[in-house]
């Protein structure tokens, strides 16, 4: 049976940048094993599978798969899927509610400002997701010397580290400079030794200040999910802006960060993130950016991968 698919470049206003996403806009009839096989075939960081919503107030039910496993939430698949539904004419609404495994996620979709996208003739959409999942920010901290070893860096280049999650767990490492971020090379043997069994084995490392309005330069590796390096990691950025807001002392207001990722690997990704703080508590986190539709087609799914 043939199923239509889209390929989108997420967190990029131009094709062939950002983080690639495979998307099946109507995945009804495909088994869980079949979805995993298709995600492995695309071999992107993630592939999404869209179904009719359970709650009539939602736009769609979405399941997200890496090449190795299903995940409950991820940033670029959420933003990209919302934009893909509009690109494909599946909805005319610009407020998309996606039912994911962690619960409903709202994505506000707009047209990218023509001044920003002056060289692009076609319409480009930008999406901003909002996640109200409570920030999980454990007291446990990663060993900074171990992080230095597995990144192949001098210990002086590791400023700080922490764990956190708003649906997908991450280990965060703050480095001393952009040069340190680019110089890092994951030592798989040391990753196995120090991080594979940790609170989270997914490592997001960055430089820049965690201050309101700060600009970060980042990379991410998640070997346990089959992702050697991710061009853009919206779920990590959403968590990090929540952590930064929590530690800022802000009592009420919005705490913002901008993040540049994927540069050294040739897939420049630009993300904007914010956390809404009420009474000293983080109530929601948001992350967004542009998404471009780069390809459409059909994939043949054998009957053994159907329900």
C-alpha atoms as a PDB file:
ATOM      1  CA  UNK A   1       0.000   0.000   0.000  1.00  0.00           C
ATOM      2  CA  UNK A   2       1.318   3.439  -0.884  1.00  0.00           C
ATOM      3  CA  UNK A   3       1.471   6.212   1.719  1.00  0.00           C
ATOM      4  CA  UNK A   4       2.216   9.871   0.923  1.00  0.00           C
ATOM      5  CA  UNK A   5       5.156  11.435   2.764  1.00  0.00           C
ATOM      6  CA  UNK A   6       6.710  14.863   3.151  1.00  0.00           C
ATOM      7  CA  UNK A   7      10.282  15.851   3.912  1.00  0.00           C
ATOM      8  CA  UNK A   8      10.733  19.129   5.761  1.00  0.00           C
ATOM      9  CA  UNK A   9      13.808  21.043   6.858  1.00  0.00           C
ATOM     10  CA  UNK A  10      12.950  22.365  10.300  1.00  0.00           C
ATOM     11  CA  UNK A  11      14.463  25.442  11.976  1.00  0.00           C
ATOM     12  CA  UNK A  12      15.660  26.696   8.604  1.00  0.00           C
ATOM     13  CA  UNK A  13      14.089  29.288   6.301  1.00  0.00           C
ATOM     14  CA  UNK A  14      15.817  27.741   3.280  1.00  0.00           C
ATOM     15  CA  UNK A  15      15.912  24.180   1.906  1.00  0.00           C
ATOM     16  CA  UNK A  16      18.867  21.955   2.797  1.00  0.00           C
ATOM     17  CA  UNK A  17      19.437  23.509   6.195  1.00  0.00           C
ATOM     18  CA  UNK A  18      18.001  22.797   9.612  1.00  0.00           C
ATOM     19  CA  UNK A  19      16.942  19.364  10.822  1.00  0.00           C
ATOM     20  CA  UNK A  20      15.356  16.968   8.348  1.00  0.00           C
ATOM     21  CA  UNK A  21      11.967  15.481   9.188  1.00  0.00           C
ATOM     22  CA  UNK A  22      10.129  12.655   7.488  1.00  0.00           C
ATOM     23  CA  UNK A  23       6.361  12.961   7.903  1.00  0.00           C
ATOM     24  CA  UNK A  24       3.500  10.671   6.911  1.00  0.00           C
ATOM     25  CA  UNK A  25       0.406  12.920   7.018  1.00  0.00           C
ATOM     26  CA  UNK A  26      -1.994   9.947   7.151  1.00  0.00           C
ATOM     27  CA  UNK A  27      -0.478   6.852   8.758  1.00  0.00           C
ATOM     28  CA  UNK A  28      -3.701   4.993   9.481  1.00  0.00           C
ATOM     29  CA  UNK A  29      -3.250   1.223   9.162  1.00  0.00           C
ATOM     30  CA  UNK A  30       0.510   1.102   9.804  1.00  0.00           C
ATOM     31  CA  UNK A  31       1.636  -1.018  12.757  1.00  0.00           C
ATOM     32  CA  UNK A  32       4.066   0.185  15.414  1.00  0.00           C
ATOM     33  CA  UNK A  33       6.729  -2.111  13.972  1.00  0.00           C
ATOM     34  CA  UNK A  34       5.959  -0.692  10.538  1.00  0.00           C
ATOM     35  CA  UNK A  35       6.424   2.869  11.764  1.00  0.00           C
ATOM     36  CA  UNK A  36       9.782   1.944  13.244  1.00  0.00           C
ATOM     37  CA  UNK A  37      10.834   0.338   9.942  1.00  0.00           C
ATOM     38  CA  UNK A  38       9.826   3.436   7.994  1.00  0.00           C
ATOM     39  CA  UNK A  39      11.684   5.730  10.416  1.00  0.00           C
ATOM     40  CA  UNK A  40      14.772   3.557   9.970  1.00  0.00           C
ATOM     41  CA  UNK A  41      14.369   3.767   6.192  1.00  0.00           C
ATOM     42  CA  UNK A  42      14.251   7.580   6.232  1.00  0.00           C
ATOM     43  CA  UNK A  43      17.106   7.534   8.764  1.00  0.00           C
ATOM     44  CA  UNK A  44      16.531  11.118   9.847  1.00  0.00           C
ATOM     45  CA  UNK A  45      16.758  12.199  13.474  1.00  0.00           C
ATOM     46  CA  UNK A  46      12.984  11.682  13.647  1.00  0.00           C
ATOM     47  CA  UNK A  47       9.995  10.725  11.517  1.00  0.00           C
ATOM     48  CA  UNK A  48       6.394  11.503  12.459  1.00  0.00           C
ATOM     49  CA  UNK A  49       3.212   9.561  11.804  1.00  0.00           C
ATOM     50  CA  UNK A  50      -0.078  11.424  11.835  1.00  0.00           C
ATOM     51  CA  UNK A  51      -3.458   9.962  12.844  1.00  0.00           C
ATOM     52  CA  UNK A  52      -6.929  11.360  13.517  1.00  0.00           C
ATOM     53  CA  UNK A  53      -7.118  12.940  16.987  1.00  0.00           C
ATOM     54  CA  UNK A  54      -8.669  11.202  19.968  1.00  0.00           C
ATOM     55  CA  UNK A  55      -9.972  14.524  21.327  1.00  0.00           C
ATOM     56  CA  UNK A  56     -12.065  16.422  18.794  1.00  0.00           C
ATOM     57  CA  UNK A  57     -10.481  19.679  20.014  1.00  0.00           C
ATOM     58  CA  UNK A  58      -7.083  18.534  18.764  1.00  0.00           C
ATOM     59  CA  UNK A  59      -5.853  18.753  15.178  1.00  0.00           C
ATOM     60  CA  UNK A  60      -4.137  15.357  14.997  1.00  0.00           C
ATOM     61  CA  UNK A  61      -2.558  12.516  16.949  1.00  0.00           C
ATOM     62  CA  UNK A  62       1.188  12.258  16.272  1.00  0.00           C
ATOM     63  CA  UNK A  63       3.701   9.527  17.047  1.00  0.00           C
ATOM     64  CA  UNK A  64       7.418  10.320  16.834  1.00  0.00           C
ATOM     65  CA  UNK A  65      10.162   7.799  16.027  1.00  0.00           C
ATOM     66  CA  UNK A  66      13.930   8.052  15.804  1.00  0.00           C
ATOM     67  CA  UNK A  67      15.674   5.402  13.705  1.00  0.00           C
ATOM     68  CA  UNK A  68      15.836   3.222  16.829  1.00  0.00           C
ATOM     69  CA  UNK A  69      12.933   4.055  19.158  1.00  0.00           C
ATOM     70  CA  UNK A  70       9.679   5.917  19.704  1.00  0.00           C
ATOM     71  CA  UNK A  71       9.967   9.084  21.801  1.00  0.00           C
ATOM     72  CA  UNK A  72       7.234  10.831  23.763  1.00  0.00           C
ATOM     73  CA  UNK A  73       8.121  14.365  22.676  1.00  0.00           C
ATOM     74  CA  UNK A  74      10.594  16.124  20.415  1.00  0.00           C
ATOM     75  CA  UNK A  75      10.826  19.720  19.276  1.00  0.00           C
ATOM     76  CA  UNK A  76      11.656  19.758  15.583  1.00  0.00           C
ATOM     77  CA  UNK A  77       9.155  16.953  14.745  1.00  0.00           C
ATOM     78  CA  UNK A  78       6.404  18.865  16.552  1.00  0.00           C
ATOM     79  CA  UNK A  79       7.085  22.178  14.806  1.00  0.00           C
ATOM     80  CA  UNK A  80       7.697  20.500  11.444  1.00  0.00           C
ATOM     81  CA  UNK A  81       4.570  18.346  11.594  1.00  0.00           C
ATOM     82  CA  UNK A  82       2.371  21.340  12.412  1.00  0.00           C
ATOM     83  CA  UNK A  83       3.797  23.250   9.442  1.00  0.00           C
ATOM     84  CA  UNK A  84       3.557  20.162   7.230  1.00  0.00           C
ATOM     85  CA  UNK A  85      -0.158  19.821   7.923  1.00  0.00           C
ATOM     86  CA  UNK A  86      -0.661  23.350   6.608  1.00  0.00           C
ATOM     87  CA  UNK A  87       1.715  22.975   3.666  1.00  0.00           C
ATOM     88  CA  UNK A  88      -0.181  19.829   2.640  1.00  0.00           C
ATOM     89  CA  UNK A  89      -3.618  21.433   2.978  1.00  0.00           C
ATOM     90  CA  UNK A  90      -4.698  19.121   5.807  1.00  0.00           C
ATOM     91  CA  UNK A  91      -5.852  22.040   7.951  1.00  0.00           C
ATOM     92  CA  UNK A  92      -6.447  25.748   7.496  1.00  0.00           C
ATOM     93  CA  UNK A  93      -6.042  26.539  11.196  1.00  0.00           C
ATOM     94  CA  UNK A  94      -2.895  28.333  12.277  1.00  0.00           C
ATOM     95  CA  UNK A  95      -3.226  27.085  15.861  1.00  0.00           C
ATOM     96  CA  UNK A  96      -2.382  23.393  15.730  1.00  0.00           C
ATOM     97  CA  UNK A  97      -2.933  21.054  18.680  1.00  0.00           C
ATOM     98  CA  UNK A  98      -0.977  17.814  18.386  1.00  0.00           C
ATOM     99  CA  UNK A  99      -1.708  14.883  20.685  1.00  0.00           C
ATOM    100  CA  UNK A 100       1.706  13.416  21.534  1.00  0.00           C
ATOM    101  CA  UNK A 101       2.616  10.721  24.023  1.00  0.00           C
ATOM    102  CA  UNK A 102       3.277  13.341  26.725  1.00  0.00           C
ATOM    103  CA  UNK A 103      -0.080  15.030  26.048  1.00  0.00           C
ATOM    104  CA  UNK A 104      -1.365  17.875  23.853  1.00  0.00           C
ATOM    105  CA  UNK A 105       1.182  20.330  22.443  1.00  0.00           C
ATOM    106  CA  UNK A 106       0.031  23.585  20.858  1.00  0.00           C
ATOM    107  CA  UNK A 107       1.898  25.020  17.880  1.00  0.00           C
ATOM    108  CA  UNK A 108       1.191  28.527  16.593  1.00  0.00           C
ATOM    109  CA  UNK A 109       2.034  28.755  12.895  1.00  0.00           C
ATOM    110  CA  UNK A 110       2.664  31.976  10.990  1.00  0.00           C
ATOM    111  CA  UNK A 111       4.102  33.087   7.667  1.00  0.00           C
ATOM    112  CA  UNK A 112       7.769  33.988   7.909  1.00  0.00           C
ATOM    113  CA  UNK A 113       8.338  37.737   7.624  1.00  0.00           C
ATOM    114  CA  UNK A 114       9.085  38.522   3.972  1.00  0.00           C
ATOM    115  CA  UNK A 115      11.877  40.863   5.066  1.00  0.00           C
ATOM    116  CA  UNK A 116      13.623  37.940   6.745  1.00  0.00           C
ATOM    117  CA  UNK A 117      13.004  35.731   3.746  1.00  0.00           C
ATOM    118  CA  UNK A 118      13.575  38.195   0.911  1.00  0.00           C
ATOM    119  CA  UNK A 119      15.480  35.694  -1.251  1.00  0.00           C
ATOM    120  CA  UNK A 120      12.772  33.044  -1.000  1.00  0.00           C
ATOM    121  CA  UNK A 121       9.909  33.218  -3.501  1.00  0.00           C
ATOM    122  CA  UNK A 122       7.736  30.506  -1.967  1.00  0.00           C
ATOM    123  CA  UNK A 123       5.776  30.834   1.248  1.00  0.00           C
ATOM    124  CA  UNK A 124       7.731  29.702   4.295  1.00  0.00           C
ATOM    125  CA  UNK A 125       6.014  28.888   7.556  1.00  0.00           C
ATOM    126  CA  UNK A 126       7.341  29.312  11.067  1.00  0.00           C
ATOM    127  CA  UNK A 127       5.976  27.456  14.082  1.00  0.00           C
ATOM    128  CA  UNK A 128       6.255  28.022  17.829  1.00  0.00           C
ATOM    129  CA  UNK A 129       5.333  25.117  20.103  1.00  0.00           C
ATOM    130  CA  UNK A 130       4.260  25.569  23.705  1.00  0.00           C
ATOM    131  CA  UNK A 131       4.818  22.774  26.218  1.00  0.00           C
ATOM    132  CA  UNK A 132       3.185  22.941  29.672  1.00  0.00           C
ATOM    133  CA  UNK A 133       4.798  19.738  30.957  1.00  0.00           C
ATOM    134  CA  UNK A 134       6.321  20.363  34.383  1.00  0.00           C
ATOM    135  CA  UNK A 135      10.072  20.915  34.273  1.00  0.00           C
ATOM    136  CA  UNK A 136      11.962  17.921  35.651  1.00  0.00           C
ATOM    137  CA  UNK A 137      15.201  19.335  37.068  1.00  0.00           C
ATOM    138  CA  UNK A 138      16.849  16.820  39.397  1.00  0.00           C
ATOM    139  CA  UNK A 139      19.397  17.627  42.093  1.00  0.00           C
ATOM    140  CA  UNK A 140      21.722  15.037  40.558  1.00  0.00           C
ATOM    141  CA  UNK A 141      24.502  16.585  38.468  1.00  0.00           C
ATOM    142  CA  UNK A 142      26.789  15.027  35.838  1.00  0.00           C
ATOM    143  CA  UNK A 143      30.483  14.624  36.646  1.00  0.00           C
ATOM    144  CA  UNK A 144      32.214  17.505  34.839  1.00  0.00           C
ATOM    145  CA  UNK A 145      35.548  15.694  34.535  1.00  0.00           C
ATOM    146  CA  UNK A 146      33.750  12.746  32.934  1.00  0.00           C
ATOM    147  CA  UNK A 147      32.027  15.099  30.487  1.00  0.00           C
ATOM    148  CA  UNK A 148      35.409  16.578  29.562  1.00  0.00           C
ATOM    149  CA  UNK A 149      36.828  13.112  28.917  1.00  0.00           C
ATOM    150  CA  UNK A 150      33.965  11.883  26.753  1.00  0.00           C
ATOM    151  CA  UNK A 151      34.015  15.148  24.765  1.00  0.00           C
ATOM    152  CA  UNK A 152      37.796  14.984  24.357  1.00  0.00           C
ATOM    153  CA  UNK A 153      38.270  18.417  25.918  1.00  0.00           C
ATOM    154  CA  UNK A 154      40.413  19.901  28.656  1.00  0.00           C
ATOM    155  CA  UNK A 155      38.571  20.055  31.979  1.00  0.00           C
ATOM    156  CA  UNK A 156      38.934  23.843  32.011  1.00  0.00           C
ATOM    157  CA  UNK A 157      36.612  24.043  28.998  1.00  0.00           C
ATOM    158  CA  UNK A 158      33.644  22.607  30.957  1.00  0.00           C
ATOM    159  CA  UNK A 159      31.940  25.388  32.896  1.00  0.00           C
ATOM    160  CA  UNK A 160      28.889  23.593  34.289  1.00  0.00           C
ATOM    161  CA  UNK A 161      26.509  20.691  33.761  1.00  0.00           C
ATOM    162  CA  UNK A 162      23.018  19.551  34.721  1.00  0.00           C
ATOM    163  CA  UNK A 163      20.146  17.238  33.786  1.00  0.00           C
ATOM    164  CA  UNK A 164      16.603  18.199  32.813  1.00  0.00           C
ATOM    165  CA  UNK A 165      13.486  17.319  30.846  1.00  0.00           C
ATOM    166  CA  UNK A 166      10.127  18.584  29.635  1.00  0.00           C
ATOM    167  CA  UNK A 167       9.283  15.261  27.998  1.00  0.00           C
ATOM    168  CA  UNK A 168      12.654  13.969  26.774  1.00  0.00           C
ATOM    169  CA  UNK A 169      15.623  13.750  29.159  1.00  0.00           C
ATOM    170  CA  UNK A 170      18.927  15.508  28.477  1.00  0.00           C
ATOM    171  CA  UNK A 171      22.342  15.968  30.005  1.00  0.00           C
ATOM    172  CA  UNK A 172      23.552  19.552  29.486  1.00  0.00           C
ATOM    173  CA  UNK A 173      27.174  20.694  29.391  1.00  0.00           C
ATOM    174  CA  UNK A 174      28.061  24.385  29.260  1.00  0.00           C
ATOM    175  CA  UNK A 175      31.403  24.940  27.504  1.00  0.00           C
ATOM    176  CA  UNK A 176      33.777  27.888  27.542  1.00  0.00           C
ATOM    177  CA  UNK A 177      33.553  28.947  23.881  1.00  0.00           C
ATOM    178  CA  UNK A 178      32.196  28.216  20.414  1.00  0.00           C
ATOM    179  CA  UNK A 179      35.628  26.859  19.531  1.00  0.00           C
ATOM    180  CA  UNK A 180      35.331  24.308  22.350  1.00  0.00           C
ATOM    181  CA  UNK A 181      31.894  23.260  21.092  1.00  0.00           C
ATOM    182  CA  UNK A 182      33.248  22.719  17.573  1.00  0.00           C
ATOM    183  CA  UNK A 183      36.374  20.922  18.836  1.00  0.00           C
ATOM    184  CA  UNK A 184      34.427  18.349  20.883  1.00  0.00           C
ATOM    185  CA  UNK A 185      34.481  14.753  19.623  1.00  0.00           C
ATOM    186  CA  UNK A 186      32.360  12.116  21.358  1.00  0.00           C
ATOM    187  CA  UNK A 187      34.473   9.203  22.613  1.00  0.00           C
ATOM    188  CA  UNK A 188      31.997   6.329  22.394  1.00  0.00           C
ATOM    189  CA  UNK A 189      33.885   4.139  24.876  1.00  0.00           C
ATOM    190  CA  UNK A 190      33.864   6.930  27.461  1.00  0.00           C
ATOM    191  CA  UNK A 191      30.231   7.738  26.637  1.00  0.00           C
ATOM    192  CA  UNK A 192      29.387   4.092  27.403  1.00  0.00           C
ATOM    193  CA  UNK A 193      31.347   4.291  30.645  1.00  0.00           C
ATOM    194  CA  UNK A 194      30.169   7.622  31.978  1.00  0.00           C
ATOM    195  CA  UNK A 195      26.834   8.539  30.382  1.00  0.00           C
ATOM    196  CA  UNK A 196      25.016   5.565  28.864  1.00  0.00           C
ATOM    197  CA  UNK A 197      23.556   4.589  32.253  1.00  0.00           C
ATOM    198  CA  UNK A 198      23.135   8.123  33.628  1.00  0.00           C
ATOM    199  CA  UNK A 199      19.906  10.030  34.366  1.00  0.00           C
ATOM    200  CA  UNK A 200      20.042  10.881  30.665  1.00  0.00           C
ATOM    201  CA  UNK A 201      22.514   9.660  28.032  1.00  0.00           C
ATOM    202  CA  UNK A 202      21.500  12.398  25.555  1.00  0.00           C
ATOM    203  CA  UNK A 203      24.187  15.083  25.593  1.00  0.00           C
ATOM    204  CA  UNK A 204      23.475  18.693  24.605  1.00  0.00           C
ATOM    205  CA  UNK A 205      26.596  20.859  24.841  1.00  0.00           C
ATOM    206  CA  UNK A 206      26.709  24.577  24.240  1.00  0.00           C
ATOM    207  CA  UNK A 207      28.500  27.872  24.798  1.00  0.00           C
ATOM    208  CA  UNK A 208      27.035  31.255  25.677  1.00  0.00           C
ATOM    209  CA  UNK A 209      25.377  32.768  28.714  1.00  0.00           C
ATOM    210  CA  UNK A 210      22.146  31.500  30.247  1.00  0.00           C
ATOM    211  CA  UNK A 211      20.877  35.042  30.768  1.00  0.00           C
ATOM    212  CA  UNK A 212      17.638  36.568  29.521  1.00  0.00           C
ATOM    213  CA  UNK A 213      18.181  37.368  25.836  1.00  0.00           C
ATOM    214  CA  UNK A 214      21.267  35.160  25.689  1.00  0.00           C
ATOM    215  CA  UNK A 215      22.548  33.623  22.464  1.00  0.00           C
ATOM    216  CA  UNK A 216      23.822  30.039  22.545  1.00  0.00           C
ATOM    217  CA  UNK A 217      25.900  27.969  20.127  1.00  0.00           C
ATOM    218  CA  UNK A 218      25.182  24.253  20.438  1.00  0.00           C
ATOM    219  CA  UNK A 219      25.573  20.655  19.350  1.00  0.00           C
ATOM    220  CA  UNK A 220      23.798  17.472  20.483  1.00  0.00           C
ATOM    221  CA  UNK A 221      24.531  13.739  20.395  1.00  0.00           C
ATOM    222  CA  UNK A 222      22.193  10.925  21.427  1.00  0.00           C
ATOM    223  CA  UNK A 223      23.788   7.552  20.564  1.00  0.00           C
ATOM    224  CA  UNK A 224      21.155   5.669  22.587  1.00  0.00           C
ATOM    225  CA  UNK A 225      18.503   6.991  20.190  1.00  0.00           C
ATOM    226  CA  UNK A 226      20.590   6.337  17.090  1.00  0.00           C
ATOM    227  CA  UNK A 227      21.455  10.025  16.651  1.00  0.00           C
ATOM    228  CA  UNK A 228      25.198  10.580  16.291  1.00  0.00           C
ATOM    229  CA  UNK A 229      24.680  14.319  15.920  1.00  0.00           C
ATOM    230  CA  UNK A 230      21.454  16.296  15.715  1.00  0.00           C
ATOM    231  CA  UNK A 231      21.312  19.466  13.589  1.00  0.00           C
ATOM    232  CA  UNK A 232      18.637  20.985  15.863  1.00  0.00           C
ATOM    233  CA  UNK A 233      17.178  19.755  19.133  1.00  0.00           C
ATOM    234  CA  UNK A 234      14.061  21.684  20.063  1.00  0.00           C
ATOM    235  CA  UNK A 235      13.185  19.529  23.056  1.00  0.00           C
ATOM    236  CA  UNK A 236      16.612  20.196  24.594  1.00  0.00           C
ATOM    237  CA  UNK A 237      16.327  23.921  23.938  1.00  0.00           C
ATOM    238  CA  UNK A 238      12.841  23.967  25.491  1.00  0.00           C
ATOM    239  CA  UNK A 239      14.221  22.266  28.602  1.00  0.00           C
ATOM    240  CA  UNK A 240      17.282  24.499  28.787  1.00  0.00           C
ATOM    241  CA  UNK A 241      15.289  27.737  28.611  1.00  0.00           C
ATOM    242  CA  UNK A 242      13.118  26.393  31.444  1.00  0.00           C
ATOM    243  CA  UNK A 243      16.189  25.612  33.559  1.00  0.00           C
ATOM    244  CA  UNK A 244      17.709  29.017  32.826  1.00  0.00           C
ATOM    245  CA  UNK A 245      14.463  30.768  33.756  1.00  0.00           C
ATOM    246  CA  UNK A 246      14.162  28.757  36.967  1.00  0.00           C
ATOM    247  CA  UNK A 247      17.692  29.725  38.008  1.00  0.00           C
ATOM    248  CA  UNK A 248      17.385  33.366  36.967  1.00  0.00           C
ATOM    249  CA  UNK A 249      15.436  34.612  39.973  1.00  0.00           C
ATOM    250  CA  UNK A 250      12.682  35.954  37.700  1.00  0.00           C
ATOM    251  CA  UNK A 251       9.338  36.157  39.523  1.00  0.00           C
ATOM    252  CA  UNK A 252       7.000  37.026  36.630  1.00  0.00           C
ATOM    253  CA  UNK A 253       7.662  37.401  32.916  1.00  0.00           C
ATOM    254  CA  UNK A 254       9.174  35.735  29.865  1.00  0.00           C
ATOM    255  CA  UNK A 255      12.763  34.516  29.774  1.00  0.00           C
ATOM    256  CA  UNK A 256      14.188  34.211  26.250  1.00  0.00           C
ATOM    257  CA  UNK A 257      17.114  32.519  24.523  1.00  0.00           C
ATOM    258  CA  UNK A 258      18.176  32.151  20.893  1.00  0.00           C
ATOM    259  CA  UNK A 259      20.106  29.064  19.834  1.00  0.00           C
ATOM    260  CA  UNK A 260      22.263  28.318  16.801  1.00  0.00           C
ATOM    261  CA  UNK A 261      22.947  24.629  16.161  1.00  0.00           C
ATOM    262  CA  UNK A 262      24.160  22.351  13.344  1.00  0.00           C
ATOM    263  CA  UNK A 263      26.634  24.867  11.906  1.00  0.00           C
ATOM    264  CA  UNK A 264      29.769  22.711  11.746  1.00  0.00           C
ATOM    265  CA  UNK A 265      27.854  19.826  10.166  1.00  0.00           C
ATOM    266  CA  UNK A 266      26.536  22.089   7.399  1.00  0.00           C
ATOM    267  CA  UNK A 267      22.903  22.236   8.554  1.00  0.00           C
ATOM    268  CA  UNK A 268      22.577  25.632  10.201  1.00  0.00           C
ATOM    269  CA  UNK A 269      19.530  25.685  12.486  1.00  0.00           C
ATOM    270  CA  UNK A 270      18.082  28.735  14.204  1.00  0.00           C
ATOM    271  CA  UNK A 271      15.747  28.421  17.204  1.00  0.00           C
ATOM    272  CA  UNK A 272      13.990  30.931  19.417  1.00  0.00           C
ATOM    273  CA  UNK A 273      12.939  29.804  22.895  1.00  0.00           C
ATOM    274  CA  UNK A 274      11.141  31.292  25.872  1.00  0.00           C
ATOM    275  CA  UNK A 275       9.876  30.285  29.292  1.00  0.00           C
ATOM    276  CA  UNK A 276       6.869  31.898  30.966  1.00  0.00           C
ATOM    277  CA  UNK A 277       7.405  32.429  34.692  1.00  0.00           C
ATOM    278  CA  UNK A 278       4.508  33.113  37.084  1.00  0.00           C
ATOM    279  CA  UNK A 279       5.118  33.607  40.778  1.00  0.00           C
ATOM    280  CA  UNK A 280       8.659  32.314  40.461  1.00  0.00           C
ATOM    281  CA  UNK A 281       7.563  29.049  38.806  1.00  0.00           C
ATOM    282  CA  UNK A 282       8.046  28.014  35.186  1.00  0.00           C
ATOM    283  CA  UNK A 283       4.538  27.519  33.785  1.00  0.00           C
ATOM    284  CA  UNK A 284       5.385  26.750  30.151  1.00  0.00           C
ATOM    285  CA  UNK A 285       8.258  26.641  27.680  1.00  0.00           C
ATOM    286  CA  UNK A 286       8.192  27.453  23.991  1.00  0.00           C
ATOM    287  CA  UNK A 287      10.564  26.859  21.096  1.00  0.00           C
ATOM    288  CA  UNK A 288      10.173  27.594  17.433  1.00  0.00           C
ATOM    289  CA  UNK A 289      11.555  28.548  14.063  1.00  0.00           C
ATOM    290  CA  UNK A 290      10.978  28.244  10.324  1.00  0.00           C
ATOM    291  CA  UNK A 291      10.160  25.036   8.436  1.00  0.00           C
ATOM    292  CA  UNK A 292      10.565  24.505   4.699  1.00  0.00           C
ATOM    293  CA  UNK A 293       8.868  21.776   2.664  1.00  0.00           C
ATOM    294  CA  UNK A 294      11.605  20.260   0.498  1.00  0.00           C
ATOM    295  CA  UNK A 295      10.098  17.080  -0.959  1.00  0.00           C
ATOM    296  CA  UNK A 296       6.928  15.029  -1.312  1.00  0.00           C
ATOM    297  CA  UNK A 297       6.421  11.484  -2.489  1.00  0.00           C
ATOM    298  CA  UNK A 298       5.005   8.051  -1.742  1.00  0.00           C
ATOM    299  CA  UNK A 299       6.426   5.110   0.158  1.00  0.00           C
ATOM    300  CA  UNK A 300       5.342   1.521  -0.431  1.00  0.00           C
ATOM    301  CA  UNK A 301       4.443  -0.258   2.828  1.00  0.00           C
ATOM    302  CA  UNK A 302       4.179  -4.034   2.621  1.00  0.00           C
ATOM    303  CA  UNK A 303       1.138  -5.726   4.132  1.00  0.00           C
ATOM    304  CA  UNK A 304       3.227  -7.341   6.894  1.00  0.00           C
ATOM    305  CA  UNK A 305       3.816  -3.836   8.331  1.00  0.00           C
ATOM    306  CA  UNK A 306       0.102  -3.029   8.372  1.00  0.00           C
ATOM    307  CA  UNK A 307      -2.429  -3.692  11.102  1.00  0.00           C
END
